[in-house]
Amino acid sequence: MTRLNMFVVLISFFIHPVLRAATCEVRTGLHGEEKLCWSENLQGWISQSCVRNKSCEALKHFAKNSLLPKGPSSSHNQGSLLCQRLGNRVVILRDKSSGEQSFCSFKDRSLVSTGLLDQKNL
């Protein structure tokens, strides 16, 4: 790798923190498979498509700081409730060990974990 290429890689790492998604995996749901990546910047799961297309709806949500006031405290998943109040739908996906996790599916089909929505909506 040339010095110029190494420089470009390092600059990309710092300028585009979403590119630091180190771990990607396939999850399955009622409508097929979804590829998700762990975002070091957001500290949560996002669609692999968001790593490639930084203008996906899921990332735009965090960039706009378009968070809503939390609903009344309850046993419901606050991230799921927030997802629905944003006009999106909640989907459940399973990992390869059959563990389930809920995700917010935005209008462009990009996904973000509902736990991340709740965490960032402090």
Protein backbone atom coordinates (compact mmCIF):
# COMPACT_ATOMS: atom_id res chain seq x y z
CA MET A 1 0.00 0.00 0.00
CA THR A 2 1.43 3.36 -0.98
CA ARG A 3 1.74 6.24 1.46
CA LEU A 4 -1.00 8.12 -0.39
CA ASN A 5 -3.41 5.17 -0.12
CA MET A 6 -2.60 4.79 3.58
CA PHE A 7 -3.28 8.52 4.09
CA VAL A 8 -6.64 8.27 2.30
CA VAL A 9 -7.65 5.28 4.44
CA LEU A 10 -6.71 7.10 7.66
CA ILE A 11 -8.54 10.28 6.63
CA SER A 12 -11.63 8.25 5.68
CA PHE A 13 -11.53 6.58 9.09
CA PHE A 14 -11.71 9.90 10.91
CA ILE A 15 -13.95 11.82 8.53
CA HIS A 16 -16.56 9.08 8.06
CA PRO A 17 -16.93 7.36 11.44
CA VAL A 18 -19.80 5.20 10.15
CA LEU A 19 -17.19 3.44 8.00
CA ARG A 20 -15.76 2.05 11.22
CA ALA A 21 -18.53 -0.57 11.35
CA ALA A 22 -16.26 -3.47 12.22
CA THR A 23 -18.71 -6.32 12.54
CA CYS A 24 -21.41 -7.19 10.04
CA GLU A 25 -23.84 -10.09 10.14
CA VAL A 26 -27.02 -11.37 8.55
CA ARG A 27 -30.23 -11.41 10.58
CA THR A 28 -33.47 -13.05 9.49
CA GLY A 29 -37.06 -11.90 9.86
CA LEU A 30 -40.50 -12.48 8.38
CA HIS A 31 -39.52 -10.73 5.15
CA GLY A 32 -36.15 -12.40 4.59
CA GLU A 33 -32.59 -11.56 5.47
CA GLU A 34 -31.16 -8.19 6.48
CA LYS A 35 -27.46 -7.33 6.58
CA LEU A 36 -26.55 -5.28 9.65
CA CYS A 37 -23.29 -3.75 10.84
CA TRP A 38 -22.17 -2.54 14.24
CA SER A 39 -21.45 1.20 14.10
CA GLU A 40 -18.63 2.19 16.43
CA ASN A 41 -19.69 5.82 16.06
CA LEU A 42 -23.32 5.23 17.08
CA GLN A 43 -22.56 2.24 19.30
CA GLY A 44 -25.39 0.21 17.79
CA TRP A 45 -26.61 -1.90 14.86
CA ILE A 46 -27.49 -0.23 11.55
CA SER A 47 -28.24 -1.46 8.04
CA GLN A 48 -25.22 -2.38 6.00
CA SER A 49 -26.71 -0.15 3.30
CA CYS A 50 -26.20 2.84 5.64
CA VAL A 51 -22.48 2.10 5.73
CA ARG A 52 -22.40 2.48 1.95
CA ASN A 53 -25.03 5.22 1.60
CA LYS A 54 -24.57 7.78 4.33
CA SER A 55 -27.80 9.51 3.28
CA CYS A 56 -30.01 6.64 4.46
CA GLU A 57 -33.04 7.64 6.55
CA ALA A 58 -31.77 5.89 9.69
CA LEU A 59 -28.60 8.01 9.76
CA LYS A 60 -30.44 11.18 8.76
CA HIS A 61 -32.56 10.73 11.88
CA PHE A 62 -29.49 10.99 14.12
CA ALA A 63 -27.90 13.79 12.06
CA LYS A 64 -31.04 15.95 12.39
CA ASN A 65 -31.32 15.31 16.12
CA SER A 66 -34.99 14.69 15.37
CA LEU A 67 -35.63 12.98 18.64
CA LEU A 68 -38.99 13.12 20.34
CA PRO A 69 -39.89 13.41 24.00
CA LYS A 70 -40.06 10.05 25.64
CA GLY A 71 -43.46 8.64 26.34
CA PRO A 72 -44.68 7.79 29.81
CA SER A 73 -42.49 5.27 31.57
CA SER A 74 -43.80 1.77 30.99
CA SER A 75 -42.68 -1.77 30.39
CA HIS A 76 -42.80 -1.16 26.62
CA ASN A 77 -39.62 -0.78 24.60
CA GLN A 78 -39.27 3.02 24.42
CA GLY A 79 -37.24 2.76 21.18
CA SER A 80 -40.10 0.83 19.56
CA LEU A 81 -42.62 3.42 20.68
CA LEU A 82 -40.39 6.21 19.34
CA CYS A 83 -40.03 4.38 16.03
CA GLN A 84 -43.80 4.21 15.64
CA ARG A 85 -44.24 7.87 16.62
CA LEU A 86 -41.76 8.75 13.86
CA GLY A 87 -44.10 7.00 11.40
CA ASN A 88 -41.89 3.93 10.90
CA ARG A 89 -42.49 0.28 11.61
CA VAL A 90 -40.84 -2.07 14.08
CA VAL A 91 -39.42 -5.36 12.82
CA ILE A 92 -38.04 -8.27 14.80
CA LEU A 93 -34.91 -9.98 13.49
CA ARG A 94 -33.10 -13.09 14.71
CA ASP A 95 -29.38 -13.66 14.82
CA LYS A 96 -27.79 -17.03 14.05
CA SER A 97 -28.21 -18.18 17.67
CA SER A 98 -31.98 -17.39 17.43
CA GLY A 99 -31.72 -14.34 19.69
CA GLU A 100 -34.32 -11.71 18.80
CA GLN A 101 -33.86 -7.96 18.59
CA SER A 102 -36.23 -5.21 17.48
CA PHE A 103 -35.29 -2.69 14.80
CA CYS A 104 -36.87 0.46 13.45
CA SER A 105 -37.44 0.19 9.70
CA PHE A 106 -37.39 3.60 8.02
CA LYS A 107 -39.20 4.43 4.79
CA ASP A 108 -36.10 3.67 2.68
CA ARG A 109 -35.89 0.24 4.42
CA SER A 110 -32.79 1.23 6.39
CA LEU A 111 -32.73 -0.22 9.89
CA VAL A 112 -31.48 0.87 13.29
CA SER A 113 -31.89 -1.03 16.55
CA THR A 114 -34.71 0.28 18.72
CA GLY A 115 -32.36 0.08 21.68
CA LEU A 116 -30.10 2.59 19.93
CA LEU A 117 -33.09 4.87 19.29
CA ASP A 118 -33.95 4.78 22.97
CA GLN A 119 -30.34 5.24 24.06
CA LYS A 120 -29.78 8.27 21.81
CA ASN A 121 -33.14 9.79 22.80
CA LEU A 122 -32.08 10.72 26.31
